[in-house]
Amino acid sequence: MSDNPVDPAAAREPEATAETPVKPVMDEERNFPRGLAIRLFAYLVAGHVLAGFLYLLFEAGAQGR
């Protein structure tokens, strides 16, 4: 006999019925990770600031001719 005191039939999870919808374990397709969204926003802002600075450098260089 097995050393496991739990009955295998009792250890099973209850089956889902029409009243209890089944939720996925990890719902990553719907939820965008918050840390990733913040990092993406920061990179977008930093990239635009850098692009604006380079644009100003080229404009200032063109004025100096």
PDB file of N, CA and C in Angstrom:
ATOM      1  N   MET A   1       0.843  -1.175   0.000  1.00  0.00           N
ATOM      2  CA  MET A   1       0.000   0.000   0.000  1.00  0.00           C
ATOM      3  C   MET A   1       0.888   1.238   0.000  1.00  0.00           C
ATOM      4  N   SER A   2       0.367   2.324  -0.510  1.00  0.00           N
ATOM      5  CA  SER A   2       1.110   3.573  -0.618  1.00  0.00           C
ATOM      6  C   SER A   2       1.208   4.262   0.740  1.00  0.00           C
ATOM      7  N   ASP A   3       2.273   5.064   0.905  1.00  0.00           N
ATOM      8  CA  ASP A   3       2.442   5.832   2.137  1.00  0.00           C
ATOM      9  C   ASP A   3       1.604   7.108   2.130  1.00  0.00           C
ATOM     10  N   ASN A   4       0.976   7.415   1.012  1.00  0.00           N
ATOM     11  CA  ASN A   4       0.179   8.631   0.893  1.00  0.00           C
ATOM     12  C   ASN A   4      -1.177   8.418   1.561  1.00  0.00           C
ATOM     13  N   PRO A   5      -1.483   9.193   2.631  1.00  0.00           N
ATOM     14  CA  PRO A   5      -2.747   8.989   3.331  1.00  0.00           C
ATOM     15  C   PRO A   5      -3.945   9.610   2.618  1.00  0.00           C
ATOM     16  N   VAL A   6      -3.713  10.388   1.552  1.00  0.00           N
ATOM     17  CA  VAL A   6      -4.816  11.056   0.866  1.00  0.00           C
ATOM     18  C   VAL A   6      -5.375  10.132  -0.204  1.00  0.00           C
ATOM     19  N   ASP A   7      -6.676  10.023  -0.225  1.00  0.00           N
ATOM     20  CA  ASP A   7      -7.359   9.211  -1.228  1.00  0.00           C
ATOM     21  C   ASP A   7      -7.232   9.913  -2.584  1.00  0.00           C
ATOM     22  N   PRO A   8      -6.756   9.238  -3.638  1.00  0.00           N
ATOM     23  CA  PRO A   8      -6.579   9.892  -4.939  1.00  0.00           C
ATOM     24  C   PRO A   8      -7.881  10.473  -5.481  1.00  0.00           C
ATOM     25  N   ALA A   9      -8.996   9.853  -5.206  1.00  0.00           N
ATOM     26  CA  ALA A   9     -10.271  10.374  -5.696  1.00  0.00           C
ATOM     27  C   ALA A   9     -10.630  11.680  -4.989  1.00  0.00           C
ATOM     28  N   ALA A  10     -10.270  11.815  -3.728  1.00  0.00           N
ATOM     29  CA  ALA A  10     -10.586  13.029  -2.976  1.00  0.00           C
ATOM     30  C   ALA A  10      -9.593  14.145  -3.279  1.00  0.00           C
ATOM     31  N   ALA A  11      -8.422  13.811  -3.789  1.00  0.00           N
ATOM     32  CA  ALA A  11      -7.387  14.811  -4.042  1.00  0.00           C
ATOM     33  C   ALA A  11      -7.613  15.560  -5.345  1.00  0.00           C
ATOM     34  N   ARG A  12      -8.476  15.061  -6.198  1.00  0.00           N
ATOM     35  CA  ARG A  12      -8.721  15.721  -7.481  1.00  0.00           C
ATOM     36  C   ARG A  12      -9.474  17.025  -7.264  1.00  0.00           C
ATOM     37  N   GLU A  13      -9.202  17.969  -8.163  1.00  0.00           N
ATOM     38  CA  GLU A  13      -9.912  19.240  -8.091  1.00  0.00           C
ATOM     39  C   GLU A  13     -11.329  19.043  -8.604  1.00  0.00           C
ATOM     40  N   PRO A  14     -12.268  19.792  -8.061  1.00  0.00           N
ATOM     41  CA  PRO A  14     -13.641  19.654  -8.550  1.00  0.00           C
ATOM     42  C   PRO A  14     -13.734  20.135  -9.990  1.00  0.00           C
ATOM     43  N   GLU A  15     -14.549  19.472 -10.763  1.00  0.00           N
ATOM     44  CA  GLU A  15     -14.703  19.843 -12.161  1.00  0.00           C
ATOM     45  C   GLU A  15     -15.534  21.108 -12.264  1.00  0.00           C
ATOM     46  N   ALA A  16     -15.237  21.900 -13.283  1.00  0.00           N
ATOM     47  CA  ALA A  16     -15.953  23.156 -13.469  1.00  0.00           C
ATOM     48  C   ALA A  16     -17.353  22.877 -13.989  1.00  0.00           C
ATOM     49  N   THR A  17     -18.294  23.617 -13.470  1.00  0.00           N
ATOM     50  CA  THR A  17     -19.673  23.511 -13.939  1.00  0.00           C
ATOM     51  C   THR A  17     -20.012  24.785 -14.688  1.00  0.00           C
ATOM     52  N   ALA A  18     -21.211  24.866 -15.186  1.00  0.00           N
ATOM     53  CA  ALA A  18     -21.642  26.056 -15.910  1.00  0.00           C
ATOM     54  C   ALA A  18     -21.711  27.261 -14.977  1.00  0.00           C
ATOM     55  N   GLU A  19     -21.860  27.020 -13.693  1.00  0.00           N
ATOM     56  CA  GLU A  19     -21.982  28.115 -12.739  1.00  0.00           C
ATOM     57  C   GLU A  19     -20.620  28.685 -12.343  1.00  0.00           C
ATOM     58  N   THR A  20     -19.574  27.867 -12.405  1.00  0.00           N
ATOM     59  CA  THR A  20     -18.246  28.329 -12.020  1.00  0.00           C
ATOM     60  C   THR A  20     -17.356  28.376 -13.256  1.00  0.00           C
ATOM     61  N   PRO A  21     -17.117  29.585 -13.801  1.00  0.00           N
ATOM     62  CA  PRO A  21     -16.258  29.669 -14.984  1.00  0.00           C
ATOM     63  C   PRO A  21     -14.815  29.333 -14.633  1.00  0.00           C
ATOM     64  N   VAL A  22     -14.129  28.731 -15.572  1.00  0.00           N
ATOM     65  CA  VAL A  22     -12.737  28.336 -15.368  1.00  0.00           C
ATOM     66  C   VAL A  22     -11.855  29.535 -15.680  1.00  0.00           C
ATOM     67  N   LYS A  23     -11.009  29.925 -14.724  1.00  0.00           N
ATOM     68  CA  LYS A  23     -10.054  31.011 -14.936  1.00  0.00           C
ATOM     69  C   LYS A  23      -8.699  30.406 -15.275  1.00  0.00           C
ATOM     70  N   PRO A  24      -8.022  30.958 -16.261  1.00  0.00           N
ATOM     71  CA  PRO A  24      -6.679  30.455 -16.545  1.00  0.00           C
ATOM     72  C   PRO A  24      -5.734  30.766 -15.394  1.00  0.00           C
ATOM     73  N   VAL A  25      -4.714  29.952 -15.269  1.00  0.00           N
ATOM     74  CA  VAL A  25      -3.766  30.126 -14.175  1.00  0.00           C
ATOM     75  C   VAL A  25      -3.029  31.455 -14.320  1.00  0.00           C
ATOM     76  N   MET A  26      -2.507  31.707 -15.510  1.00  0.00           N
ATOM     77  CA  MET A  26      -1.805  32.970 -15.759  1.00  0.00           C
ATOM     78  C   MET A  26      -2.490  33.653 -16.936  1.00  0.00           C
ATOM     79  N   ASP A  27      -3.018  34.819 -16.704  1.00  0.00           N
ATOM     80  CA  ASP A  27      -3.749  35.543 -17.734  1.00  0.00           C
ATOM     81  C   ASP A  27      -2.868  36.655 -18.289  1.00  0.00           C
ATOM     82  N   GLU A  28      -1.712  36.298 -18.836  1.00  0.00           N
ATOM     83  CA  GLU A  28      -0.745  37.287 -19.296  1.00  0.00           C
ATOM     84  C   GLU A  28      -1.137  37.919 -20.624  1.00  0.00           C
ATOM     85  N   GLU A  29      -2.007  37.278 -21.383  1.00  0.00           N
ATOM     86  CA  GLU A  29      -2.383  37.849 -22.661  1.00  0.00           C
ATOM     87  C   GLU A  29      -3.236  39.095 -22.478  1.00  0.00           C
ATOM     88  N   ARG A  30      -4.002  39.147 -21.410  1.00  0.00           N
ATOM     89  CA  ARG A  30      -4.848  40.311 -21.172  1.00  0.00           C
ATOM     90  C   ARG A  30      -4.139  41.359 -20.330  1.00  0.00           C
ATOM     91  N   ASN A  31      -3.385  40.948 -19.347  1.00  0.00           N
ATOM     92  CA  ASN A  31      -2.730  41.886 -18.441  1.00  0.00           C
ATOM     93  C   ASN A  31      -1.324  42.192 -18.931  1.00  0.00           C
ATOM     94  N   PHE A  32      -1.080  43.477 -19.210  1.00  0.00           N
ATOM     95  CA  PHE A  32       0.256  43.925 -19.591  1.00  0.00           C
ATOM     96  C   PHE A  32       1.011  44.193 -18.300  1.00  0.00           C
ATOM     97  N   PRO A  33       2.174  43.599 -18.098  1.00  0.00           N
ATOM     98  CA  PRO A  33       2.897  43.811 -16.841  1.00  0.00           C
ATOM     99  C   PRO A  33       3.154  45.300 -16.591  1.00  0.00           C
ATOM    100  N   ARG A  34       2.845  45.750 -15.380  1.00  0.00           N
ATOM    101  CA  ARG A  34       2.928  47.176 -15.063  1.00  0.00           C
ATOM    102  C   ARG A  34       4.360  47.695 -15.160  1.00  0.00           C
ATOM    103  N   GLY A  35       5.322  46.922 -14.671  1.00  0.00           N
ATOM    104  CA  GLY A  35       6.718  47.352 -14.736  1.00  0.00           C
ATOM    105  C   GLY A  35       7.191  47.524 -16.166  1.00  0.00           C
ATOM    106  N   LEU A  36       6.748  46.639 -17.041  1.00  0.00           N
ATOM    107  CA  LEU A  36       7.136  46.728 -18.445  1.00  0.00           C
ATOM    108  C   LEU A  36       6.517  47.956 -19.095  1.00  0.00           C
ATOM    109  N   ALA A  37       5.287  48.266 -18.748  1.00  0.00           N
ATOM    110  CA  ALA A  37       4.623  49.447 -19.306  1.00  0.00           C
ATOM    111  C   ALA A  37       5.326  50.724 -18.858  1.00  0.00           C
ATOM    112  N   ILE A  38       5.723  50.781 -17.595  1.00  0.00           N
ATOM    113  CA  ILE A  38       6.425  51.966 -17.088  1.00  0.00           C
ATOM    114  C   ILE A  38       7.778  52.110 -17.767  1.00  0.00           C
ATOM    115  N   ARG A  39       8.495  51.002 -17.920  1.00  0.00           N
ATOM    116  CA  ARG A  39       9.800  51.042 -18.582  1.00  0.00           C
ATOM    117  C   ARG A  39       9.663  51.451 -20.047  1.00  0.00           C
ATOM    118  N   LEU A  40       8.643  50.940 -20.716  1.00  0.00           N
ATOM    119  CA  LEU A  40       8.408  51.296 -22.109  1.00  0.00           C
ATOM    120  C   LEU A  40       8.118  52.785 -22.240  1.00  0.00           C
ATOM    121  N   PHE A  41       7.290  53.315 -21.354  1.00  0.00           N
ATOM    122  CA  PHE A  41       6.985  54.748 -21.370  1.00  0.00           C
ATOM    123  C   PHE A  41       8.251  55.572 -21.128  1.00  0.00           C
ATOM    124  N   ALA A  42       9.070  55.155 -20.169  1.00  0.00           N
ATOM    125  CA  ALA A  42      10.306  55.888 -19.868  1.00  0.00           C
ATOM    126  C   ALA A  42      11.257  55.861 -21.063  1.00  0.00           C
ATOM    127  N   TYR A  43      11.373  54.715 -21.731  1.00  0.00           N
ATOM    128  CA  TYR A  43      12.249  54.630 -22.900  1.00  0.00           C
ATOM    129  C   TYR A  43      11.722  55.496 -24.042  1.00  0.00           C
ATOM    130  N   LEU A  44      10.411  55.535 -24.210  1.00  0.00           N
ATOM    131  CA  LEU A  44       9.845  56.374 -25.260  1.00  0.00           C
ATOM    132  C   LEU A  44      10.114  57.850 -24.983  1.00  0.00           C
ATOM    133  N   VAL A  45       9.929  58.268 -23.746  1.00  0.00           N
ATOM    134  CA  VAL A  45      10.192  59.666 -23.386  1.00  0.00           C
ATOM    135  C   VAL A  45      11.675  59.978 -23.562  1.00  0.00           C
ATOM    136  N   ALA A  46      12.550  59.115 -23.062  1.00  0.00           N
ATOM    137  CA  ALA A  46      13.991  59.350 -23.176  1.00  0.00           C
ATOM    138  C   ALA A  46      14.429  59.366 -24.640  1.00  0.00           C
ATOM    139  N   GLY A  47      13.867  58.494 -25.445  1.00  0.00           N
ATOM    140  CA  GLY A  47      14.208  58.469 -26.867  1.00  0.00           C
ATOM    141  C   GLY A  47      13.799  59.741 -27.577  1.00  0.00           C
ATOM    142  N   HIS A  48      12.617  60.260 -27.238  1.00  0.00           N
ATOM    143  CA  HIS A  48      12.171  61.498 -27.863  1.00  0.00           C
ATOM    144  C   HIS A  48      12.991  62.700 -27.384  1.00  0.00           C
ATOM    145  N   VAL A  49      13.384  62.695 -26.129  1.00  0.00           N
ATOM    146  CA  VAL A  49      14.238  63.776 -25.618  1.00  0.00           C
ATOM    147  C   VAL A  49      15.586  63.748 -26.336  1.00  0.00           C
ATOM    148  N   LEU A  50      16.166  62.567 -26.497  1.00  0.00           N
ATOM    149  CA  LEU A  50      17.439  62.443 -27.208  1.00  0.00           C
ATOM    150  C   LEU A  50      17.295  62.871 -28.669  1.00  0.00           C
ATOM    151  N   ALA A  51      16.217  62.461 -29.320  1.00  0.00           N
ATOM    152  CA  ALA A  51      15.999  62.857 -30.712  1.00  0.00           C
ATOM    153  C   ALA A  51      15.828  64.370 -30.825  1.00  0.00           C
ATOM    154  N   GLY A  52      15.110  64.972 -29.885  1.00  0.00           N
ATOM    155  CA  GLY A  52      14.945  66.426 -29.898  1.00  0.00           C
ATOM    156  C   GLY A  52      16.261  67.150 -29.694  1.00  0.00           C
ATOM    157  N   PHE A  53      17.096  66.626 -28.803  1.00  0.00           N
ATOM    158  CA  PHE A  53      18.409  67.229 -28.566  1.00  0.00           C
ATOM    159  C   PHE A  53      19.274  67.152 -29.822  1.00  0.00           C
ATOM    160  N   LEU A  54      19.278  65.998 -30.483  1.00  0.00           N
ATOM    161  CA  LEU A  54      20.051  65.870 -31.721  1.00  0.00           C
ATOM    162  C   LEU A  54      19.522  66.806 -32.800  1.00  0.00           C
ATOM    163  N   TYR A  55      18.208  66.948 -32.870  1.00  0.00           N
ATOM    164  CA  TYR A  55      17.612  67.869 -33.836  1.00  0.00           C
ATOM    165  C   TYR A  55      18.082  69.299 -33.567  1.00  0.00           C
ATOM    166  N   LEU A  56      18.075  69.692 -32.296  1.00  0.00           N
ATOM    167  CA  LEU A  56      18.540  71.037 -31.951  1.00  0.00           C
ATOM    168  C   LEU A  56      20.018  71.220 -32.281  1.00  0.00           C
ATOM    169  N   LEU A  57      20.830  70.186 -32.081  1.00  0.00           N
ATOM    170  CA  LEU A  57      22.249  70.277 -32.437  1.00  0.00           C
ATOM    171  C   LEU A  57      22.430  70.495 -33.936  1.00  0.00           C
ATOM    172  N   PHE A  58      21.669  69.773 -34.747  1.00  0.00           N
ATOM    173  CA  PHE A  58      21.774  69.942 -36.195  1.00  0.00           C
ATOM    174  C   PHE A  58      21.263  71.311 -36.630  1.00  0.00           C
ATOM    175  N   GLU A  59      20.205  71.790 -35.995  1.00  0.00           N
ATOM    176  CA  GLU A  59      19.692  73.126 -36.323  1.00  0.00           C
ATOM    177  C   GLU A  59      20.701  74.200 -35.929  1.00  0.00           C
ATOM    178  N   ALA A  60      21.306  74.059 -34.766  1.00  0.00           N
ATOM    179  CA  ALA A  60      22.310  75.029 -34.327  1.00  0.00           C
ATOM    180  C   ALA A  60      23.537  74.973 -35.234  1.00  0.00           C
ATOM    181  N   GLY A  61      23.910  73.791 -35.666  1.00  0.00           N
ATOM    182  CA  GLY A  61      25.045  73.656 -36.582  1.00  0.00           C
ATOM    183  C   GLY A  61      24.755  74.266 -37.938  1.00  0.00           C
ATOM    184  N   ALA A  62      23.516  74.169 -38.406  1.00  0.00           N
ATOM    185  CA  ALA A  62      23.153  74.744 -39.699  1.00  0.00           C
ATOM    186  C   ALA A  62      23.129  76.268 -39.626  1.00  0.00           C
ATOM    187  N   GLN A  63      22.820  76.833 -38.473  1.00  0.00           N
ATOM    188  CA  GLN A  63      22.793  78.287 -38.309  1.00  0.00           C
ATOM    189  C   GLN A  63      24.209  78.860 -38.272  1.00  0.00           C
ATOM    190  N   GLY A  64      25.168  78.054 -37.898  1.00  0.00           N
ATOM    191  CA  GLY A  64      26.543  78.526 -37.743  1.00  0.00           C
ATOM    192  C   GLY A  64      27.325  78.588 -39.031  1.00  0.00           C
ATOM    193  N   ARG A  65      26.768  78.229 -40.152  1.00  0.00           N
ATOM    194  CA  ARG A  65      27.500  78.258 -41.421  1.00  0.00           C
ATOM    195  C   ARG A  65      27.945  79.616 -41.780  1.00  0.00           C
TER     196      ARG A  65
END
